[in-house]
């Protein structure tokens, strides 16, 4: 080692960090009113007024469902995303009395 490197290591060994006390200003945040949209917590359940035990979330799945998708649409999305080639024909759900349900037809067309 050269003398410069030895001097450098001596400086490193002699270094003592300085302790500096920084002033901190604590400003607690205690809101008077916290607005909530919808349920506060979906896992908090209010007991039923008749006192009957409710097994929702224990024996039956308790999750919000906003948009139900057709099974065929989900399968088509899966096939498209994974580039899977189907060897069996796909069953497509039909709408009973479709001439009287234009909204369901439009929903199905939009989803596909």
N, C-alpha and C. Protein backbone atom coordinates (compact mmCIF):
# COMPACT_ATOMS: atom_id res chain seq x y z
N UNK A 1 0.84 -1.18 0.00
CA UNK A 1 0.00 0.00 0.00
C UNK A 1 0.88 1.24 0.00
N UNK A 2 0.33 2.24 -0.62
CA UNK A 2 1.07 3.50 -0.65
C UNK A 2 0.78 4.26 0.64
N UNK A 3 1.55 5.27 0.88
CA UNK A 3 1.37 6.06 2.11
C UNK A 3 0.06 6.85 2.08
N UNK A 4 -0.39 7.24 0.90
CA UNK A 4 -1.67 7.97 0.80
C UNK A 4 -2.84 7.10 1.23
N UNK A 5 -2.82 5.86 0.84
CA UNK A 5 -3.90 4.95 1.21
C UNK A 5 -3.86 4.68 2.71
N UNK A 6 -2.66 4.52 3.30
CA UNK A 6 -2.54 4.32 4.75
C UNK A 6 -3.07 5.52 5.50
N UNK A 7 -2.74 6.73 5.02
CA UNK A 7 -3.25 7.95 5.65
C UNK A 7 -4.77 8.01 5.57
N UNK A 8 -5.30 7.58 4.45
CA UNK A 8 -6.74 7.58 4.27
C UNK A 8 -7.42 6.67 5.29
N UNK A 9 -6.88 5.47 5.49
CA UNK A 9 -7.45 4.55 6.47
C UNK A 9 -7.33 5.10 7.89
N UNK A 10 -6.27 5.82 8.19
CA UNK A 10 -6.13 6.44 9.52
C UNK A 10 -7.21 7.48 9.74
N UNK A 11 -7.51 8.28 8.71
CA UNK A 11 -8.59 9.26 8.82
C UNK A 11 -9.93 8.57 9.06
N UNK A 12 -10.13 7.47 8.35
CA UNK A 12 -11.40 6.75 8.51
C UNK A 12 -11.52 6.21 9.93
N UNK A 13 -10.47 5.68 10.49
CA UNK A 13 -10.52 5.11 11.84
C UNK A 13 -10.67 6.20 12.90
N UNK A 14 -10.14 7.39 12.65
CA UNK A 14 -10.22 8.47 13.63
C UNK A 14 -11.54 9.22 13.58
N UNK A 15 -12.32 9.00 12.54
CA UNK A 15 -13.56 9.75 12.39
C UNK A 15 -14.56 9.38 13.47
N UNK A 16 -15.14 10.37 14.11
CA UNK A 16 -16.20 10.18 15.10
C UNK A 16 -17.39 11.02 14.64
N UNK A 17 -18.53 10.38 14.40
CA UNK A 17 -19.69 11.15 13.96
C UNK A 17 -20.18 12.09 15.05
N UNK A 18 -20.67 13.24 14.65
CA UNK A 18 -21.17 14.22 15.61
C UNK A 18 -22.65 13.96 15.86
N UNK A 19 -23.06 14.13 17.08
CA UNK A 19 -24.48 14.01 17.42
C UNK A 19 -25.09 15.40 17.36
N UNK A 20 -26.12 15.51 16.54
CA UNK A 20 -26.80 16.79 16.39
C UNK A 20 -28.25 16.58 16.78
N UNK A 21 -28.72 17.37 17.72
CA UNK A 21 -30.13 17.31 18.12
C UNK A 21 -30.92 18.26 17.22
N UNK A 22 -31.87 17.69 16.51
CA UNK A 22 -32.72 18.48 15.64
C UNK A 22 -34.03 18.78 16.35
N UNK A 23 -34.48 20.01 16.20
CA UNK A 23 -35.76 20.37 16.79
C UNK A 23 -36.88 19.76 15.95
N UNK A 24 -37.81 19.15 16.62
CA UNK A 24 -38.96 18.61 15.91
C UNK A 24 -40.22 19.28 16.42
N UNK A 25 -41.07 19.59 15.51
CA UNK A 25 -42.35 20.20 15.87
C UNK A 25 -43.44 19.18 15.57
N UNK A 26 -44.01 18.61 16.59
CA UNK A 26 -45.05 17.62 16.41
C UNK A 26 -46.39 18.32 16.34
N UNK A 27 -47.08 18.07 15.26
CA UNK A 27 -48.42 18.61 15.09
C UNK A 27 -49.36 17.43 14.89
N UNK A 28 -50.03 17.02 15.93
CA UNK A 28 -50.92 15.87 15.77
C UNK A 28 -52.10 16.20 14.87
N UNK A 29 -52.50 15.21 14.10
CA UNK A 29 -53.63 15.37 13.20
C UNK A 29 -54.81 14.63 13.80
N UNK A 30 -55.76 15.36 14.33
CA UNK A 30 -56.96 14.77 14.89
C UNK A 30 -58.15 15.41 14.19
N UNK A 31 -58.66 14.74 13.17
CA UNK A 31 -59.77 15.34 12.45
C UNK A 31 -61.05 15.24 13.26
N UNK A 32 -61.88 16.27 13.14
CA UNK A 32 -63.16 16.26 13.83
C UNK A 32 -64.16 15.37 13.11
N UNK A 33 -64.03 15.28 11.80
CA UNK A 33 -65.00 14.54 11.02
C UNK A 33 -64.29 13.84 9.88
N UNK A 34 -64.46 12.55 9.76
CA UNK A 34 -63.87 11.80 8.65
C UNK A 34 -65.01 11.32 7.78
N UNK A 35 -65.16 11.88 6.59
CA UNK A 35 -66.25 11.43 5.73
C UNK A 35 -65.98 10.03 5.20
N UNK A 36 -67.02 9.27 5.03
CA UNK A 36 -66.90 7.92 4.50
C UNK A 36 -67.91 7.72 3.39
N UNK A 37 -67.50 7.00 2.38
CA UNK A 37 -68.39 6.69 1.28
C UNK A 37 -68.74 5.21 1.38
N UNK A 38 -70.00 4.90 1.42
CA UNK A 38 -70.40 3.51 1.53
C UNK A 38 -70.18 2.99 2.93
N UNK A 39 -69.84 1.72 3.02
CA UNK A 39 -69.60 1.12 4.33
C UNK A 39 -68.24 1.55 4.85
N UNK A 40 -68.13 1.67 6.16
CA UNK A 40 -66.85 2.03 6.76
C UNK A 40 -65.88 0.88 6.56
N UNK A 41 -66.30 -0.32 6.90
CA UNK A 41 -65.48 -1.51 6.72
C UNK A 41 -66.43 -2.64 6.38
N UNK A 42 -66.17 -3.29 5.26
CA UNK A 42 -67.09 -4.33 4.81
C UNK A 42 -67.05 -5.56 5.71
N UNK A 43 -66.01 -5.70 6.54
CA UNK A 43 -65.93 -6.85 7.43
C UNK A 43 -66.67 -6.63 8.74
N UNK A 44 -67.03 -5.38 9.04
CA UNK A 44 -67.81 -5.11 10.24
C UNK A 44 -69.27 -5.34 9.90
N UNK A 45 -69.88 -6.24 10.61
CA UNK A 45 -71.28 -6.57 10.34
C UNK A 45 -72.14 -6.15 11.54
N UNK A 46 -73.24 -5.53 11.22
CA UNK A 46 -74.20 -5.18 12.27
C UNK A 46 -75.02 -6.43 12.59
N UNK A 47 -75.26 -6.69 13.87
CA UNK A 47 -76.08 -7.86 14.20
C UNK A 47 -77.51 -7.66 13.72
N UNK A 48 -78.13 -8.77 13.35
CA UNK A 48 -79.50 -8.71 12.87
C UNK A 48 -80.42 -8.32 14.02
N UNK A 49 -81.45 -7.54 13.76
CA UNK A 49 -82.32 -7.07 14.85
C UNK A 49 -83.12 -8.20 15.51
N UNK A 50 -83.33 -9.31 14.78
CA UNK A 50 -84.10 -10.39 15.39
C UNK A 50 -83.23 -11.33 16.22
N UNK A 51 -81.91 -11.11 16.25
CA UNK A 51 -81.02 -11.89 17.09
C UNK A 51 -80.59 -13.21 16.49
N UNK A 52 -81.01 -13.51 15.26
CA UNK A 52 -80.63 -14.76 14.61
C UNK A 52 -79.18 -14.64 14.14
N UNK A 53 -78.39 -15.69 14.38
CA UNK A 53 -76.99 -15.68 13.99
C UNK A 53 -76.88 -15.69 12.47
N UNK A 54 -76.02 -14.82 11.94
CA UNK A 54 -75.83 -14.76 10.50
C UNK A 54 -74.46 -15.32 10.15
N UNK A 55 -74.43 -16.28 9.24
CA UNK A 55 -73.18 -16.93 8.85
C UNK A 55 -72.61 -16.37 7.56
N UNK A 56 -73.07 -15.19 7.17
CA UNK A 56 -72.57 -14.59 5.94
C UNK A 56 -71.09 -14.28 6.08
N UNK A 57 -70.29 -14.78 5.17
CA UNK A 57 -68.84 -14.63 5.24
C UNK A 57 -68.16 -15.83 5.84
N UNK A 58 -68.94 -16.71 6.50
CA UNK A 58 -68.38 -17.93 7.08
C UNK A 58 -68.80 -19.14 6.26
N UNK A 59 -70.09 -19.28 6.03
CA UNK A 59 -70.58 -20.41 5.24
C UNK A 59 -70.85 -20.01 3.79
N UNK A 60 -71.00 -18.72 3.53
CA UNK A 60 -71.27 -18.23 2.19
C UNK A 60 -70.36 -17.04 1.93
N UNK A 61 -69.84 -16.94 0.70
CA UNK A 61 -68.93 -15.86 0.35
C UNK A 61 -69.64 -14.52 0.46
N UNK A 62 -68.99 -13.58 1.14
CA UNK A 62 -69.57 -12.26 1.35
C UNK A 62 -68.66 -11.22 0.70
N UNK A 63 -68.85 -11.01 -0.58
CA UNK A 63 -68.08 -10.01 -1.30
C UNK A 63 -69.03 -9.21 -2.17
N UNK A 64 -68.76 -7.93 -2.33
CA UNK A 64 -69.62 -7.14 -3.20
C UNK A 64 -69.43 -7.56 -4.65
N UNK A 65 -70.49 -7.58 -5.38
CA UNK A 65 -70.39 -7.92 -6.80
C UNK A 65 -71.13 -6.85 -7.59
N UNK A 66 -70.37 -6.04 -8.29
CA UNK A 66 -70.96 -4.93 -9.03
C UNK A 66 -71.29 -5.32 -10.46
N UNK A 67 -70.34 -5.93 -11.13
CA UNK A 67 -70.53 -6.25 -12.54
C UNK A 67 -70.45 -7.76 -12.72
N UNK A 68 -71.58 -8.38 -13.00
CA UNK A 68 -71.57 -9.81 -13.28
C UNK A 68 -71.24 -9.98 -14.75
N UNK A 69 -70.29 -10.86 -15.02
CA UNK A 69 -69.94 -11.12 -16.41
C UNK A 69 -70.45 -12.48 -16.81
N UNK A 70 -70.76 -12.60 -18.06
CA UNK A 70 -71.22 -13.85 -18.61
C UNK A 70 -70.05 -14.84 -18.63
N UNK A 71 -70.35 -16.11 -18.40
CA UNK A 71 -69.31 -17.13 -18.38
C UNK A 71 -68.61 -17.22 -19.73
N UNK A 72 -69.37 -17.06 -20.80
CA UNK A 72 -68.80 -17.13 -22.14
C UNK A 72 -67.83 -15.97 -22.38
N UNK A 73 -68.18 -14.79 -21.91
CA UNK A 73 -67.30 -13.62 -22.08
C UNK A 73 -65.99 -13.82 -21.33
N UNK A 74 -66.08 -14.35 -20.11
CA UNK A 74 -64.86 -14.61 -19.35
C UNK A 74 -63.98 -15.64 -20.06
N UNK A 75 -64.61 -16.66 -20.61
CA UNK A 75 -63.84 -17.69 -21.32
C UNK A 75 -63.19 -17.10 -22.58
N UNK A 76 -63.90 -16.25 -23.30
CA UNK A 76 -63.31 -15.60 -24.47
C UNK A 76 -62.13 -14.71 -24.10
N UNK A 77 -62.26 -13.97 -22.99
CA UNK A 77 -61.14 -13.13 -22.53
C UNK A 77 -59.94 -13.98 -22.16
N UNK A 78 -60.19 -15.12 -21.52
CA UNK A 78 -59.09 -16.00 -21.13
C UNK A 78 -58.39 -16.56 -22.37
N UNK A 79 -59.18 -17.01 -23.33
CA UNK A 79 -58.61 -17.56 -24.56
C UNK A 79 -57.77 -16.50 -25.27
N UNK A 80 -58.28 -15.27 -25.31
CA UNK A 80 -57.56 -14.19 -25.99
C UNK A 80 -56.27 -13.84 -25.25
N UNK A 81 -56.31 -13.80 -23.92
CA UNK A 81 -55.12 -13.38 -23.18
C UNK A 81 -54.03 -14.44 -23.16
N UNK A 82 -54.41 -15.72 -23.20
CA UNK A 82 -53.41 -16.80 -23.13
C UNK A 82 -53.08 -17.42 -24.49
N UNK A 83 -53.74 -16.93 -25.54
CA UNK A 83 -53.55 -17.47 -26.89
C UNK A 83 -53.76 -18.98 -26.91
N UNK A 84 -54.85 -19.41 -26.30
CA UNK A 84 -55.18 -20.83 -26.21
C UNK A 84 -56.05 -21.19 -27.41
N UNK A 85 -55.80 -22.36 -27.97
CA UNK A 85 -56.62 -22.86 -29.06
C UNK A 85 -57.58 -23.89 -28.48
N UNK A 86 -58.88 -23.67 -28.70
CA UNK A 86 -59.88 -24.59 -28.16
C UNK A 86 -60.09 -25.73 -29.13
N UNK A 87 -60.12 -26.94 -28.59
CA UNK A 87 -60.38 -28.10 -29.44
C UNK A 87 -61.84 -28.52 -29.35
N UNK A 88 -62.54 -28.09 -28.32
CA UNK A 88 -63.95 -28.45 -28.15
C UNK A 88 -64.81 -27.22 -28.43
N UNK A 89 -66.01 -27.44 -28.92
CA UNK A 89 -66.88 -26.28 -29.16
C UNK A 89 -67.30 -25.61 -27.86
N UNK A 90 -67.51 -24.33 -27.94
CA UNK A 90 -67.87 -23.54 -26.76
C UNK A 90 -69.39 -23.40 -26.70
N UNK A 91 -69.94 -23.55 -25.50
CA UNK A 91 -71.37 -23.34 -25.34
C UNK A 91 -71.62 -21.87 -25.08
N UNK A 92 -72.58 -21.32 -25.78
CA UNK A 92 -72.92 -19.92 -25.65
C UNK A 92 -74.30 -19.83 -25.02
N UNK A 93 -74.42 -19.04 -23.98
CA UNK A 93 -75.70 -18.87 -23.30
C UNK A 93 -76.66 -18.11 -24.21
N UNK A 94 -77.93 -18.44 -24.10
CA UNK A 94 -78.93 -17.74 -24.90
C UNK A 94 -79.83 -16.92 -23.98
N UNK A 95 -80.49 -15.94 -24.55
CA UNK A 95 -81.41 -15.08 -23.80
C UNK A 95 -82.83 -15.50 -24.17
N UNK A 96 -83.57 -15.95 -23.18
CA UNK A 96 -84.95 -16.35 -23.42
C UNK A 96 -85.79 -15.13 -23.75
N UNK A 97 -86.62 -15.25 -24.75
CA UNK A 97 -87.49 -14.17 -25.22
C UNK A 97 -86.66 -12.89 -25.48
N UNK A 98 -85.65 -13.04 -26.31
CA UNK A 98 -84.70 -11.95 -26.57
C UNK A 98 -85.37 -10.75 -27.21
N UNK A 99 -86.48 -10.97 -27.93
CA UNK A 99 -87.13 -9.84 -28.58
C UNK A 99 -87.76 -8.88 -27.58
N UNK A 100 -87.97 -9.35 -26.35
CA UNK A 100 -88.57 -8.50 -25.31
C UNK A 100 -87.53 -7.95 -24.34
N UNK A 101 -86.25 -8.25 -24.57
CA UNK A 101 -85.18 -7.82 -23.64
C UNK A 101 -84.05 -7.15 -24.41
N UNK A 102 -84.30 -5.96 -24.96
CA UNK A 102 -83.25 -5.29 -25.73
C UNK A 102 -82.07 -4.84 -24.86
N UNK A 103 -82.33 -4.55 -23.60
CA UNK A 103 -81.22 -4.11 -22.73
C UNK A 103 -80.23 -5.23 -22.49
N UNK A 104 -80.72 -6.46 -22.31
CA UNK A 104 -79.81 -7.60 -22.11
C UNK A 104 -79.01 -7.87 -23.37
N UNK A 105 -79.63 -7.72 -24.54
CA UNK A 105 -78.93 -7.92 -25.80
C UNK A 105 -77.81 -6.88 -25.93
N UNK A 106 -78.13 -5.61 -25.65
CA UNK A 106 -77.13 -4.54 -25.74
C UNK A 106 -76.00 -4.78 -24.74
N UNK A 107 -76.32 -5.23 -23.53
CA UNK A 107 -75.30 -5.52 -22.52
C UNK A 107 -74.37 -6.62 -22.99
N UNK A 108 -74.95 -7.69 -23.59
CA UNK A 108 -74.15 -8.80 -24.06
C UNK A 108 -73.24 -8.37 -25.21
N UNK A 109 -73.78 -7.56 -26.13
CA UNK A 109 -72.98 -7.09 -27.26
C UNK A 109 -71.83 -6.22 -26.76
N UNK A 110 -72.10 -5.33 -25.79
CA UNK A 110 -71.04 -4.48 -25.24
C UNK A 110 -69.98 -5.28 -24.53
N UNK A 111 -70.38 -6.35 -23.85
CA UNK A 111 -69.40 -7.14 -23.09
C UNK A 111 -68.52 -7.97 -24.03
N UNK A 112 -69.09 -8.40 -25.16
CA UNK A 112 -68.30 -9.19 -26.11
C UNK A 112 -67.45 -8.25 -26.95
